Structure formats: structure tokens, C-alpha cells
Amino acid sequence: MTDSQRPVRILSVEDEPQTLDGPLAVLEFAGHTVTRVENVEQAHECLKTEKFDLLIVDQRVPRDGHLQYEGGSTLVYELKRGELGELNRGAAFLFVTGSRAWVGEDGMAALDGFMGIELKGGDLSVQLRERLAQLG
């Protein structure tokens, strides 16, 4: 982390946490703080009590005990509409699904705080660090 970058607080919402272990470990090593949760309900609790700069959200994440394809986008909609309070309403977010990470497509274009990354050969950690520099 350079002197001009501040540490970023990241919430990772991923039901298969090993998927992002490598990239998130690189970010932690660089001085950023990562909180990991595995479902929407755990994310709700964190978002109501802790401040985050960036959410990394699996598009298909468990909600109410069931794996839902739209669970991640529903979480972000709730956050941006203020249903989870104001603490994290302005946080940037990044959707991750399969081999891609994206934001701003289809219905998401109306939300602010977009970040989009096309994954290329597993270099998510490098691309995340570049995007985090924009937050700092």
C-alpha cells in the first residue's frame, strides 16, 4: 500500500469462501480489512453495524437458507434503497459470479458506486487493488 492509499474495509459475501481466498488474502496482506460472510442474513447484520468501503458480493448467495441466483443483487438493492440503514448506503460494490465479476449491466445501471472487472486468467487480486486505489 502506498502512502496515498488508505486501508479499505471490505465485506465479502460468498457462500464458497475458498473462491476468493487468494485475492482477499493479497488485499489483507496489503493492509486492507476483509470481513467474510456466507449468506445474506450475515451480511445484513454486518451492514447494519460496521462501516464498509467496498462489498464483494456473489450473485448467487444463500438467502433464507436457500441458494438464490438473485440473492446478491437483492442485497445490494436493499442497501442502495436504504433498507439496511444509511451507514453503508454509499459503499461501492462488485458482483462476482462464476469466472466473471461485473457491475452496471442490465438493471444495475441505475445504482451508484459501480465497479466492474472482467476476470482475466485469475488476476482478480491485481484488478481489485487497482480498483481499490480509486477508492483511496
Protein backbone atom coordinates (compact mmCIF):
# COMPACT_ATOMS: atom_id res chain seq x y z
CA MET A 1 0.00 0.00 0.00
CA THR A 2 1.37 3.39 -0.93
CA ASP A 3 1.32 6.36 1.41
CA SER A 4 -1.52 7.92 -0.62
CA GLN A 5 -3.78 4.87 -0.19
CA ARG A 6 -5.85 4.43 2.91
CA PRO A 7 -6.82 0.98 4.16
CA VAL A 8 -10.17 -0.09 2.74
CA ARG A 9 -12.81 -2.04 4.70
CA ILE A 10 -14.23 -4.83 2.53
CA LEU A 11 -17.24 -7.09 3.10
CA SER A 12 -17.11 -10.33 1.09
CA VAL A 13 -20.46 -12.15 0.73
CA GLU A 14 -19.62 -15.53 -0.79
CA ASP A 15 -21.14 -18.94 0.04
CA GLU A 16 -17.98 -20.70 -1.19
CA PRO A 17 -15.34 -18.57 0.57
CA GLN A 18 -12.41 -20.52 -0.89
CA THR A 19 -13.33 -18.98 -4.26
CA LEU A 20 -11.91 -15.62 -3.17
CA ASP A 21 -9.35 -16.75 -0.57
CA GLY A 22 -6.32 -15.90 -2.72
CA PRO A 23 -7.33 -12.42 -3.88
CA LEU A 24 -8.68 -11.45 -0.45
CA ALA A 25 -5.51 -12.67 1.27
CA VAL A 26 -3.46 -10.42 -1.03
CA LEU A 27 -5.66 -7.46 -0.08
CA GLU A 28 -5.33 -8.24 3.63
CA PHE A 29 -1.56 -8.50 3.25
CA ALA A 30 -1.64 -5.05 1.63
CA GLY A 31 -3.27 -3.66 4.79
CA HIS A 32 -6.95 -3.75 3.87
CA THR A 33 -9.54 -5.26 6.24
CA VAL A 34 -11.75 -8.05 4.92
CA THR A 35 -14.83 -9.40 6.70
CA ARG A 36 -16.18 -12.62 5.22
CA VAL A 37 -19.78 -13.83 5.46
CA GLU A 38 -21.52 -16.69 3.68
CA ASN A 39 -25.15 -15.59 3.34
CA VAL A 40 -27.45 -12.58 3.05
CA GLU A 41 -28.57 -12.69 6.68
CA GLN A 42 -24.97 -12.47 7.95
CA ALA A 43 -24.36 -9.61 5.51
CA HIS A 44 -27.41 -7.75 6.87
CA GLU A 45 -26.01 -7.91 10.41
CA CYS A 46 -22.59 -6.62 9.34
CA LEU A 47 -24.01 -3.84 7.16
CA LYS A 48 -26.19 -2.54 9.98
CA THR A 49 -23.33 -2.28 12.49
CA GLU A 50 -20.00 -1.90 10.64
CA LYS A 51 -18.82 0.62 8.03
CA PHE A 52 -17.51 -0.78 4.70
CA ASP A 53 -15.98 0.92 1.67
CA LEU A 54 -16.48 -2.00 -0.72
CA LEU A 55 -18.79 -5.00 -0.92
CA ILE A 56 -17.75 -8.02 -2.97
CA VAL A 57 -20.97 -9.95 -3.47
CA ASP A 58 -21.57 -13.34 -5.05
CA GLN A 59 -24.54 -13.00 -7.39
CA ARG A 60 -25.76 -16.43 -6.27
CA VAL A 61 -25.68 -16.44 -2.49
CA PRO A 62 -27.91 -18.11 0.14
CA ARG A 63 -30.87 -16.13 1.47
CA ASP A 64 -33.35 -17.54 3.99
CA GLY A 65 -31.50 -20.86 3.93
CA HIS A 66 -31.80 -21.37 0.16
CA LEU A 67 -29.32 -20.69 -2.61
CA GLN A 68 -30.82 -17.93 -4.76
CA TYR A 69 -29.50 -16.73 -8.08
CA GLU A 70 -30.56 -13.16 -7.36
CA GLY A 71 -29.61 -13.18 -3.66
CA GLY A 72 -26.58 -10.94 -4.16
CA SER A 73 -28.28 -8.34 -6.33
CA THR A 74 -31.26 -8.22 -3.96
CA LEU A 75 -28.85 -7.49 -1.10
CA VAL A 76 -27.32 -4.57 -2.99
CA TYR A 77 -30.75 -3.20 -3.96
CA GLU A 78 -31.78 -3.29 -0.29
CA LEU A 79 -28.60 -1.48 0.67
CA LYS A 80 -28.90 1.21 -2.01
CA ARG A 81 -32.59 1.81 -1.24
CA GLY A 82 -31.67 2.46 2.40
CA GLU A 83 -33.47 -0.59 3.78
CA LEU A 84 -30.37 -1.51 5.79
CA GLY A 85 -29.85 2.00 7.15
CA GLU A 86 -27.56 4.78 5.97
CA LEU A 87 -24.21 3.53 7.30
CA ASN A 88 -23.19 1.71 4.10
CA ARG A 89 -25.65 3.09 1.57
CA GLY A 90 -22.84 4.80 -0.37
CA ALA A 91 -20.46 1.81 -0.38
CA ALA A 92 -19.06 0.68 -3.72
CA PHE A 93 -19.85 -2.86 -4.74
CA LEU A 94 -18.59 -5.58 -7.02
CA PHE A 95 -20.57 -8.63 -8.10
CA VAL A 96 -18.71 -11.89 -8.59
CA THR A 97 -20.24 -14.84 -10.36
CA GLY A 98 -18.53 -17.82 -11.94
CA SER A 99 -15.49 -16.62 -13.84
CA ARG A 100 -16.62 -13.00 -14.09
CA ALA A 101 -17.00 -10.06 -11.82
CA TRP A 102 -19.30 -7.32 -13.06
CA VAL A 103 -21.47 -4.38 -12.19
CA GLY A 104 -23.55 -1.93 -14.17
CA GLU A 105 -25.24 -4.34 -16.55
CA ASP A 106 -28.98 -4.62 -17.12
CA GLY A 107 -30.99 -3.43 -14.12
CA MET A 108 -27.94 -2.48 -12.09
CA ALA A 109 -27.24 0.57 -14.24
CA ALA A 110 -29.46 2.73 -12.01
CA LEU A 111 -27.33 2.15 -8.92
CA ASP A 112 -24.35 4.30 -8.00
CA GLY A 113 -20.99 3.02 -6.77
CA PHE A 114 -20.37 0.79 -9.78
CA MET A 115 -17.19 -1.17 -10.21
CA GLY A 116 -16.74 -3.67 -12.97
CA ILE A 117 -13.94 -6.11 -13.58
CA GLU A 118 -13.64 -8.68 -16.34
CA LEU A 119 -11.59 -11.50 -14.88
CA LYS A 120 -8.58 -12.47 -16.96
CA GLY A 121 -6.61 -15.55 -16.07
CA GLY A 122 -7.16 -15.38 -12.31
CA ASP A 123 -5.66 -11.91 -11.80
CA LEU A 124 -8.58 -10.72 -9.65
CA SER A 125 -6.26 -9.62 -6.83
CA VAL A 126 -4.35 -7.26 -9.15
CA GLN A 127 -7.53 -5.85 -10.62
CA LEU A 128 -9.09 -5.40 -7.17
CA ARG A 129 -6.03 -3.49 -5.96
CA GLU A 130 -6.32 -1.17 -8.97
CA ARG A 131 -10.00 -0.52 -8.21
CA LEU A 132 -9.27 -0.02 -4.51
CA ALA A 133 -6.77 2.68 -5.40
CA GLN A 134 -9.71 4.57 -6.90
CA LEU A 135 -11.49 4.43 -3.52
CA GLY A 136 -8.45 5.68 -1.61
